[in-house]
Every structure is written in C-alpha cells, then in structure tokens.
C-alpha cells in the first residue's frame, strides 16, 4: 500500500508535539523576562492563527502568552532538514508552561503516500528519545538546534529547554508529553470512509507504532475508538498518546460561514477561514491536548509534593497544618482546571481525559485527599485529647495544691 484509499485527498500531514511544565509565577517571571534574547513574542501567521483559534474557542480569565525560540530547530533526515516551530507558552491561569514543536512533516500540493506515515512515526520516536546512528544510516532521523546536530530530536529540544530554564530555578523535567497529528485535506469529504477502508495507518500515527502494516484491521479500528467531530468533514480520534485529526474543510464551508457572519453580524469571523500549519489548532484539538497535559502535570506535581512534605512533617501540629495547606492547594488545582471550552469541544476533552488516564490520576488524588482528611481529623482529635488530658492533670494538681494550702493555713492558725 503506497497511497491512501480511493477517494481520499490528503495534502498535508501536520505534527504538534507538546510537553507540560508546572511553573510558579515567580519562576515564569524569570523564564519569560523581556531582556532574554532566547525568546520573542509569537507574531506573524502562527501568532495570528493562535489568536484566531483561542479567540473563537476559549474564554480565558488570563490569556496564555506565547513566545517563539529565536534559535532554529529542525528535523534532520539524512542531509535534508525540515524546519520546526518551537514555542513556549505561559499559562497564568494554570501556573504552567507548555513547550510545543510544530512541523509540516510532508505534503503540500499532492496526495500523501503512506510512506509519510513511516516518516512521521520515525519523528515521534526521535521525539521520544530514540537516537539515530548518524554514522551508519544516511537517512536517519535526528535533530538540529542552533545548527548543531543531535542524535535525536528530543536531545535537540532538551538543549533548548536547558537554555530556557538556565538560572531560573525550574526543576521540572520534560517527562510527560502528547501529540496531535492532523491530516489536512481540502475536498470537504467525510473522513469516515477513509478510516473504515484501512484504519491501520491512523492507528500507527495515534500510537507511534512502526509495525502498523501488520496490525489486524479490527484491532486498529477498535484501538482508535469512535471519532469525535461536530462537522461532517472532521474526525478526531482521542487516544492514550494524544489526538489524530482528519480535517477536510473546504471552500464551500468557509464561504457559507462567512456569508452568514456578514449577513447577521456585519463582519466575517476569521476562524472559519483558518488554514494553519499548526496541527490540531483548527477545531480545538491542540487546545484540548494542552489543557489535558497541564492537568496531568499539575496532578503529578501535587502528588510528589504531598508525599515529600508529609514525610518531612516531624510532629502532629506541623502535619495538620501541612495537610490543610496541601488540601487547599489540591482544591485550587481542580478548580483552576474547570473547563473554559465550548460544550462541543468540552466533550472532546472529557474523552481525551479518559483515554490518557487522567481520571486514574484524579482518583489517586481523591484517595490521597481522603487519607489526608482522615489523618488531619486523627491528628486534630489526638491533639485535642492530649490538651484535655494536660488540662485535667493541671486541674487536679491545682486542686491538690489548694487543699494542701487550706490545711496548712488551718494548722498554722491553730
């Protein structure tokens, strides 16, 4: 198989790959201070695309602030280079930063071949630390940063991240990640038939499985699950690693939406003409992935902090105080991650939360919170009981002293 099934037009294969980093406001002020030459505000078409999508799909109390790295990052494949966008975003509402790579892996004017699936999966492996033997394989996939060659794209990103956090007291590593792959077509056709004809390449992109050709069709179809989409030409498959999106938005849809907006509101909504090189930005898949990754990172950070601080508590009163502070911070985390997405996109987020295992983490948080509440109650009751015992002893002693003083007074008076 060298091409997509009959009737499928695929012009672009876009990759977005993200890491979440919990970060305090104090840390962010240092990382994103204006005098650093490492970053500059995200402008041009990428900046406009983000503004258009977020303006239409989200309602933030505090807008994310996005920056691009000034030094070039690229995917190397033999002697060729595929330029990447490398973006750092500060999310003040969540106290977190996301590091994001975006790239057009293949295809601009023709029908993509399924060999492009293999290339994309190789890039995913490179982003997951798989190094290439640069001296042995002339077509090996690797990374470039500041015109320095690295054995993997992940190693190149690690160098950029080290520069970003150098001297900023940020200790969070780039551990968790997720990706959004968009297959962008322009024919308006429903993508269901394409996936039904052969779900294996989409399964391979969803899970980074280079052996996708040898996966049974039914296994691949079940692994992808049911598609999400609010338009006939869009299908998103949220899985454990992220999202695979098939987007066939065409000119007829854009023109129809523009005509309606002009007729009833007097101006065209730019979101409906969005044709971005940022995979998953159209229809909100990438926005959902960012939020879910942030939720996972904050939950893990809270669990590690709770375990560390509870282990350091040396007496009951300190344990009670720390439990109260930690319990309050957990409530803050859960509250700040309440959905700010429209209902139709929110349903995609709920499915991605389930598939990426966030619900298991939340249940673990709940169990930890219940244990902390129980420990706090026990410590409080123990403290109160001890105080009551001490007060009782003091009362008995004072009573005895009073009796003795009374007897002595009588004796000396007689």
Protein backbone atom coordinates (compact mmCIF):
# COMPACT_ATOMS: atom_id res chain seq x y z
CA UNK A 1 0.00 0.00 0.00
CA UNK A 2 1.60 3.30 -1.13
CA UNK A 3 -1.35 5.68 -1.20
CA UNK A 4 -4.43 6.44 0.86
CA UNK A 5 -7.64 4.59 -0.03
CA UNK A 6 -9.53 5.65 -3.15
CA UNK A 7 -11.45 8.88 -2.74
CA UNK A 8 -9.15 10.30 -0.05
CA UNK A 9 -7.30 13.53 -0.76
CA UNK A 10 -4.57 14.35 1.75
CA UNK A 11 -2.43 17.39 1.09
CA UNK A 12 -0.61 17.90 4.40
CA UNK A 13 0.49 15.89 7.39
CA UNK A 14 0.98 18.25 10.34
CA UNK A 15 2.56 17.32 13.68
CA UNK A 16 2.27 19.12 17.03
CA UNK A 17 4.16 17.64 19.98
CA UNK A 18 3.83 19.15 23.47
CA UNK A 19 5.35 18.89 26.95
CA UNK A 20 3.74 20.47 30.07
CA UNK A 21 5.88 22.12 32.77
CA UNK A 22 4.31 23.23 36.09
CA UNK A 23 5.75 26.63 36.92
CA UNK A 24 5.14 29.22 39.60
CA UNK A 25 4.51 32.85 38.76
CA UNK A 26 7.89 33.76 40.27
CA UNK A 27 9.66 31.20 38.09
CA UNK A 28 7.76 32.35 34.98
CA UNK A 29 8.76 35.97 35.58
CA UNK A 30 12.40 34.89 35.28
CA UNK A 31 11.92 32.47 32.38
CA UNK A 32 9.93 34.96 30.28
CA UNK A 33 11.61 38.20 31.29
CA UNK A 34 11.77 40.64 28.35
CA UNK A 35 15.55 41.04 28.24
CA UNK A 36 16.22 37.40 27.33
CA UNK A 37 17.33 37.02 23.71
CA UNK A 38 16.31 33.36 23.66
CA UNK A 39 12.60 34.16 23.13
CA UNK A 40 10.48 36.65 21.27
CA UNK A 41 6.70 37.13 21.15
CA UNK A 42 4.97 34.82 18.69
CA UNK A 43 3.99 37.00 15.72
CA UNK A 44 3.23 36.58 12.04
CA UNK A 45 0.86 33.91 10.75
CA UNK A 46 1.49 31.42 13.63
CA UNK A 47 0.68 34.11 16.19
CA UNK A 48 -2.42 35.16 14.26
CA UNK A 49 -3.58 31.56 13.92
CA UNK A 50 -3.32 31.02 17.69
CA UNK A 51 -5.18 34.27 18.40
CA UNK A 52 -7.97 33.40 15.95
CA UNK A 53 -8.47 29.87 17.33
CA UNK A 54 -8.28 30.85 21.00
CA UNK A 55 -10.47 33.90 20.47
CA UNK A 56 -13.21 31.76 18.98
CA UNK A 57 -12.93 28.59 21.09
CA UNK A 58 -11.88 29.70 24.58
CA UNK A 59 -12.81 32.19 27.30
CA UNK A 60 -9.73 32.69 29.45
CA UNK A 61 -9.69 34.82 32.58
CA UNK A 62 -5.98 35.27 31.90
CA UNK A 63 -4.82 34.80 28.32
CA UNK A 64 -1.89 32.48 27.58
CA UNK A 65 1.23 34.29 26.41
CA UNK A 66 3.13 32.58 23.60
CA UNK A 67 6.76 33.03 22.60
CA UNK A 68 8.89 31.51 19.86
CA UNK A 69 12.52 30.48 20.24
CA UNK A 70 14.80 32.71 18.21
CA UNK A 71 17.30 29.88 17.52
CA UNK A 72 16.31 27.45 14.72
CA UNK A 73 15.14 23.91 15.41
CA UNK A 74 14.80 21.34 12.63
CA UNK A 75 14.15 17.68 11.93
CA UNK A 76 17.07 16.10 10.14
CA UNK A 77 16.57 13.26 7.68
CA UNK A 78 19.85 12.42 6.04
CA UNK A 79 21.13 15.68 4.59
CA UNK A 80 17.67 17.26 4.45
CA UNK A 81 16.16 19.49 7.12
CA UNK A 82 12.50 20.10 7.94
CA UNK A 83 12.14 23.37 9.90
CA UNK A 84 10.13 23.24 13.12
CA UNK A 85 8.35 25.85 15.14
CA UNK A 86 9.41 25.77 18.80
CA UNK A 87 7.05 27.65 21.09
CA UNK A 88 6.99 28.23 24.86
CA UNK A 89 3.64 29.29 26.31
CA UNK A 90 3.00 30.67 29.79
CA UNK A 91 -0.49 29.82 31.09
CA UNK A 92 -1.01 32.17 34.07
CA UNK A 93 -4.45 30.72 34.86
CA UNK A 94 -2.93 27.25 35.35
CA UNK A 95 0.56 28.11 36.68
CA UNK A 96 2.14 26.06 33.93
CA UNK A 97 4.16 26.37 30.73
CA UNK A 98 3.90 24.24 27.61
CA UNK A 99 6.76 23.58 25.23
CA UNK A 100 5.47 22.86 21.73
CA UNK A 101 7.05 21.65 18.49
CA UNK A 102 5.08 22.13 15.28
CA UNK A 103 6.10 20.84 11.86
CA UNK A 104 4.72 20.04 8.42
CA UNK A 105 6.07 16.54 8.01
CA UNK A 106 5.13 16.02 4.39
CA UNK A 107 2.90 17.10 1.56
CA UNK A 108 1.77 20.47 0.31
CA UNK A 109 0.33 20.02 -3.18
CA UNK A 110 -0.10 16.31 -3.84
CA UNK A 111 -1.64 13.19 -2.42
CA UNK A 112 0.35 11.92 0.54
CA UNK A 113 1.75 8.43 0.44
CA UNK A 114 1.64 6.10 3.40
CA UNK A 115 5.45 6.21 3.45
CA UNK A 116 4.80 9.62 5.04
CA UNK A 117 3.22 7.73 7.94
CA UNK A 118 6.52 5.90 8.44
CA UNK A 119 8.41 9.18 8.36
CA UNK A 120 6.04 10.73 10.92
CA UNK A 121 6.34 7.73 13.25
CA UNK A 122 10.14 7.93 12.99
CA UNK A 123 9.91 11.59 14.05
CA UNK A 124 7.70 10.59 17.01
CA UNK A 125 10.31 8.02 18.05
CA UNK A 126 13.03 10.65 17.77
CA UNK A 127 10.97 12.96 19.98
CA UNK A 128 10.70 10.11 22.48
CA UNK A 129 14.49 9.88 22.86
CA UNK A 130 15.23 7.18 20.26
CA UNK A 131 18.69 8.11 18.92
CA UNK A 132 19.91 7.53 15.39
CA UNK A 133 23.25 6.03 14.45
CA UNK A 134 24.30 9.06 12.46
CA UNK A 135 27.41 7.47 11.02
CA UNK A 136 25.70 4.26 9.93
CA UNK A 137 22.33 5.27 8.48
CA UNK A 138 22.47 8.02 5.85
CA UNK A 139 18.69 8.67 6.01
CA UNK A 140 18.49 8.57 9.82
CA UNK A 141 16.04 10.91 11.53
CA UNK A 142 17.76 13.22 14.00
CA UNK A 143 17.59 16.78 15.37
CA UNK A 144 19.20 20.16 14.75
CA UNK A 145 19.31 23.10 17.15
CA UNK A 146 21.43 26.24 16.65
CA UNK A 147 22.92 24.44 13.63
CA UNK A 148 24.28 21.70 15.92
CA UNK A 149 23.39 18.12 15.06
CA UNK A 150 21.90 15.83 17.73
CA UNK A 151 21.28 12.08 17.60
CA UNK A 152 17.57 12.63 18.32
CA UNK A 153 15.11 15.47 18.03
CA UNK A 154 14.40 15.04 21.75
CA UNK A 155 18.07 15.76 22.53
CA UNK A 156 17.88 18.96 20.48
CA UNK A 157 14.73 20.02 22.38
CA UNK A 158 16.44 19.15 25.68
CA UNK A 159 19.21 21.62 24.83
CA UNK A 160 16.66 24.33 24.06
CA UNK A 161 14.82 23.60 27.33
CA UNK A 162 18.07 23.71 29.29
CA UNK A 163 18.73 27.19 27.88
CA UNK A 164 15.15 28.26 28.66
CA UNK A 165 15.40 27.24 32.33
CA UNK A 166 19.07 28.04 32.93
CA UNK A 167 19.41 30.06 36.14
CA UNK A 168 15.62 30.13 36.65
CA UNK A 169 15.35 27.52 39.45
CA UNK A 170 12.90 25.44 37.39
CA UNK A 171 13.43 21.79 38.34
CA UNK A 172 10.56 20.13 36.46
CA UNK A 173 11.83 17.80 33.71
CA UNK A 174 10.23 17.19 30.31
CA UNK A 175 8.68 13.88 31.36
CA UNK A 176 5.09 13.85 30.11
CA UNK A 177 4.15 14.53 26.51
CA UNK A 178 1.42 14.11 23.94
CA UNK A 179 0.96 14.74 20.25
CA UNK A 180 -1.66 15.85 17.79
CA UNK A 181 -1.34 14.78 14.16
CA UNK A 182 -3.58 16.42 11.58
CA UNK A 183 -4.14 15.10 8.07
CA UNK A 184 -5.30 18.19 6.21
CA UNK A 185 -7.36 17.88 3.04
CA UNK A 186 -9.48 20.39 1.16
CA UNK A 187 -12.22 18.36 -0.55
CA UNK A 188 -14.97 18.54 2.09
CA UNK A 189 -15.48 14.78 2.09
CA UNK A 190 -16.42 12.92 5.27
CA UNK A 191 -13.30 11.13 6.54
CA UNK A 192 -15.18 8.09 7.86
CA UNK A 193 -14.76 6.12 4.64
CA UNK A 194 -11.00 6.68 4.65
CA UNK A 195 -10.58 5.28 8.15
CA UNK A 196 -13.05 2.47 7.56
CA UNK A 197 -11.19 1.39 4.41
CA UNK A 198 -7.90 0.99 6.29
CA UNK A 199 -7.58 2.16 9.92
CA UNK A 200 -4.01 0.87 10.28
CA UNK A 201 -2.04 3.98 9.24
CA UNK A 202 -4.13 6.14 11.58
CA UNK A 203 -3.55 3.63 14.37
CA UNK A 204 0.20 3.89 13.66
CA UNK A 205 0.11 7.68 13.90
CA UNK A 206 -2.02 7.55 17.04
CA UNK A 207 0.34 5.25 18.94
CA UNK A 208 3.67 5.73 17.19
CA UNK A 209 3.60 2.07 16.12
CA UNK A 210 6.03 1.48 13.24
CA UNK A 211 4.54 -2.00 12.73
CA UNK A 212 1.12 -0.65 11.77
CA UNK A 213 1.06 -2.59 8.47
CA UNK A 214 0.97 -5.84 10.41
CA UNK A 215 -1.80 -4.90 12.84
CA UNK A 216 -5.18 -6.58 12.17
CA UNK A 217 -7.73 -4.14 10.77
CA UNK A 218 -10.20 -4.81 13.58
CA UNK A 219 -7.57 -4.28 16.27
CA UNK A 220 -6.56 -0.95 14.71
CA UNK A 221 -10.20 0.15 14.41
CA UNK A 222 -11.04 -0.74 17.99
CA UNK A 223 -7.92 0.99 19.29
CA UNK A 224 -8.91 4.25 17.57
CA UNK A 225 -12.39 4.14 19.11
CA UNK A 226 -15.26 6.31 17.96
CA UNK A 227 -14.49 9.53 16.12
CA UNK A 228 -15.35 12.91 17.61
CA UNK A 229 -16.45 15.78 15.43
CA UNK A 230 -19.11 18.44 15.09
CA UNK A 231 -18.80 18.75 11.30
CA UNK A 232 -19.17 16.13 8.57
CA UNK A 233 -15.67 16.83 7.26
CA UNK A 234 -13.83 16.49 10.60
CA UNK A 235 -12.99 13.38 12.61
CA UNK A 236 -10.78 13.35 15.70
CA UNK A 237 -9.61 10.20 17.45
CA UNK A 238 -8.51 10.87 21.06
CA UNK A 239 -6.23 8.08 22.27
CA UNK A 240 -3.75 7.48 25.09
CA UNK A 241 -0.95 9.45 23.40
CA UNK A 242 -3.00 12.35 22.05
CA UNK A 243 -5.19 13.02 19.01
CA UNK A 244 -5.27 12.06 15.35
CA UNK A 245 -7.35 14.54 13.36
CA UNK A 246 -8.68 14.28 9.81
CA UNK A 247 -9.74 17.73 8.62
CA UNK A 248 -11.25 18.13 5.15
CA UNK A 249 -12.59 21.67 5.49
CA UNK A 250 -13.24 23.10 2.03
CA UNK A 251 -14.00 26.46 0.41
CA UNK A 252 -17.76 25.82 0.33
CA UNK A 253 -17.93 25.61 4.13
CA UNK A 254 -15.72 28.68 4.64
CA UNK A 255 -17.74 30.73 2.15
CA UNK A 256 -21.07 29.68 3.71
CA UNK A 257 -19.91 30.61 7.24
CA UNK A 258 -18.52 33.92 6.01
CA UNK A 259 -21.80 34.79 4.30
CA UNK A 260 -23.81 34.04 7.44
CA UNK A 261 -21.49 36.08 9.66
CA UNK A 262 -21.54 39.02 7.24
CA UNK A 263 -25.33 38.94 6.95
CA UNK A 264 -26.14 38.78 10.66
CA UNK A 265 -23.16 40.42 12.35
CA UNK A 266 -21.71 42.70 9.70
CA UNK A 267 -18.24 41.17 9.62
CA UNK A 268 -16.58 37.88 8.76
CA UNK A 269 -15.36 35.58 11.57
CA UNK A 270 -11.72 34.77 10.65
CA UNK A 271 -11.83 31.41 12.43
CA UNK A 272 -13.85 29.82 9.63
CA UNK A 273 -11.10 30.63 7.10
CA UNK A 274 -8.35 29.22 9.34
CA UNK A 275 -5.85 27.13 7.35
CA UNK A 276 -2.97 26.73 9.76
CA UNK A 277 0.33 24.87 9.54
CA UNK A 278 -0.11 24.10 13.27
CA UNK A 279 -1.51 20.59 13.54
CA UNK A 280 -4.73 20.34 15.54
CA UNK A 281 -5.28 24.07 16.04
CA UNK A 282 -8.34 24.15 13.78
CA UNK A 283 -11.39 22.74 15.64
CA UNK A 284 -9.59 22.93 19.01
CA UNK A 285 -7.86 19.56 19.30
CA UNK A 286 -4.48 21.06 20.17
CA UNK A 287 -6.05 23.40 22.76
CA UNK A 288 -7.65 20.39 24.43
CA UNK A 289 -4.38 18.44 24.37
CA UNK A 290 -2.54 21.32 26.05
CA UNK A 291 -5.09 21.52 28.86
CA UNK A 292 -5.14 17.78 29.48
CA UNK A 293 -1.34 17.60 29.60
CA UNK A 294 -1.26 20.52 32.04
CA UNK A 295 -3.84 18.79 34.21
CA UNK A 296 -1.71 15.63 34.29
CA UNK A 297 1.46 17.56 35.12
CA UNK A 298 -0.13 19.55 37.95
CA UNK A 299 -1.68 16.43 39.44
CA UNK A 300 1.64 14.57 39.41
CA UNK A 301 3.42 17.56 40.88
CA UNK A 302 0.88 17.79 43.69
CA UNK A 303 1.21 14.08 44.50
CA UNK A 304 5.00 14.28 44.68
CA UNK A 305 4.87 17.43 46.79
CA UNK A 306 2.31 15.90 49.15
CA UNK A 307 4.38 12.76 49.65
CA UNK A 308 7.53 14.78 50.26
CA UNK A 309 6.03 17.29 52.68
CA UNK A 310 4.10 14.71 54.66
CA UNK A 311 7.28 12.68 55.07
CA UNK A 312 9.09 15.78 56.36
CA UNK A 313 6.45 16.59 58.99
CA UNK A 314 8.01 15.74 62.36
CA UNK A 315 5.12 16.41 64.73
CA UNK A 316 1.36 16.30 64.72
CA UNK A 317 0.76 20.04 64.69
CA UNK A 318 3.02 20.53 61.66
CA UNK A 319 1.34 17.59 59.92
CA UNK A 320 -2.09 19.10 60.49
CA UNK A 321 -1.00 22.48 59.13
CA UNK A 322 0.68 20.97 56.09
CA UNK A 323 -2.30 18.75 55.38
CA UNK A 324 -4.58 21.77 55.42
CA UNK A 325 -2.32 23.71 53.06
CA UNK A 326 -1.94 20.76 50.70
CA UNK A 327 -5.67 20.04 50.72
CA UNK A 328 -6.35 23.67 49.87
CA UNK A 329 -3.82 23.62 47.03
CA UNK A 330 -5.45 20.46 45.62
CA UNK A 331 -8.84 22.17 45.61
CA UNK A 332 -7.23 25.12 43.81
CA UNK A 333 -5.77 22.81 41.14
CA UNK A 334 -9.09 21.10 40.48
CA UNK A 335 -10.90 24.42 40.40
CA UNK A 336 -8.47 26.17 38.05
CA UNK A 337 -8.77 23.33 35.54
CA UNK A 338 -12.53 23.56 35.22
CA UNK A 339 -13.44 23.68 31.57
CA UNK A 340 -13.40 27.02 29.76
CA UNK A 341 -14.11 25.46 26.37
CA UNK A 342 -17.41 25.49 24.47
CA UNK A 343 -19.65 22.48 25.20
CA UNK A 344 -18.99 20.80 21.85
CA UNK A 345 -15.20 20.94 22.35
CA UNK A 346 -15.53 20.12 26.04
CA UNK A 347 -16.87 16.68 25.11
CA UNK A 348 -13.62 16.01 23.22
CA UNK A 349 -11.64 17.00 26.30
CA UNK A 350 -13.61 14.60 28.50
CA UNK A 351 -12.87 11.73 26.12
CA UNK A 352 -9.18 12.60 25.95
CA UNK A 353 -9.02 12.79 29.75
CA UNK A 354 -10.37 9.24 29.93
CA UNK A 355 -8.11 7.85 27.20
CA UNK A 356 -4.93 9.47 28.53
CA UNK A 357 -5.55 8.12 32.03
CA UNK A 358 -6.17 11.43 33.78
CA UNK A 359 -9.22 10.00 35.55
CA UNK A 360 -6.98 7.42 37.22
CA UNK A 361 -4.74 10.21 38.46
CA UNK A 362 -7.73 12.16 39.75
CA UNK A 363 -8.95 9.07 41.63
CA UNK A 364 -5.48 8.78 43.15
CA UNK A 365 -5.73 12.44 44.16
CA UNK A 366 -9.11 11.77 45.73
CA UNK A 367 -7.75 8.83 47.71
CA UNK A 368 -4.79 10.91 48.86
CA UNK A 369 -7.11 13.74 49.81
CA UNK A 370 -9.36 11.40 51.80
CA UNK A 371 -6.33 9.95 53.57
CA UNK A 372 -5.12 13.44 54.38
CA UNK A 373 -8.54 14.44 55.68
CA UNK A 374 -8.64 11.33 57.86
CA UNK A 375 -5.10 11.93 59.08
CA UNK A 376 -5.94 15.55 59.81
CA UNK A 377 -9.01 14.52 61.80
CA UNK A 378 -7.00 11.92 63.71
CA UNK A 379 -4.17 14.37 64.40
CA UNK A 380 -6.66 17.03 65.47
CA UNK A 381 -8.51 14.64 67.78
CA UNK A 382 -5.19 13.42 69.22
CA UNK A 383 -4.08 17.00 69.79
CA UNK A 384 -7.38 17.93 71.46
CA UNK A 385 -7.30 14.77 73.58
CA UNK A 386 -3.73 15.50 74.69
CA UNK A 387 -4.65 19.07 75.59
CA UNK A 388 -7.70 17.91 77.54
CA UNK A 389 -5.52 15.40 79.41
CA UNK A 390 -2.97 18.09 80.23
CA UNK A 391 -5.70 20.46 81.40
CA UNK A 392 -7.18 17.69 83.55
CA UNK A 393 -3.79 16.99 85.15
CA UNK A 394 -3.21 20.69 85.75
CA UNK A 395 -6.69 20.99 87.29
CA UNK A 396 -6.05 18.04 89.62
CA UNK A 397 -2.69 19.46 90.66
CA UNK A 398 -4.20 22.88 91.32
CA UNK A 399 -6.98 21.25 93.33
CA UNK A 400 -4.48 19.29 95.42
CA UNK A 401 -2.35 22.39 95.98
CA UNK A 402 -5.44 24.33 97.01
CA UNK A 403 -6.40 21.62 99.54
CA UNK A 404 -2.88 21.43 100.93
CA UNK A 405 -2.67 25.20 101.27
CA UNK A 406 -6.02 25.19 103.06
CA UNK A 407 -4.87 22.52 105.51
CA UNK A 408 -1.61 24.37 106.17
CA UNK A 409 -3.50 27.57 106.81
CA UNK A 410 -5.73 25.88 109.38
CA UNK A 411 -2.76 24.21 111.09
CA UNK A 412 -0.75 27.42 111.41
CA UNK A 413 -3.79 29.38 112.53
CA UNK A 414 -4.46 26.95 115.39
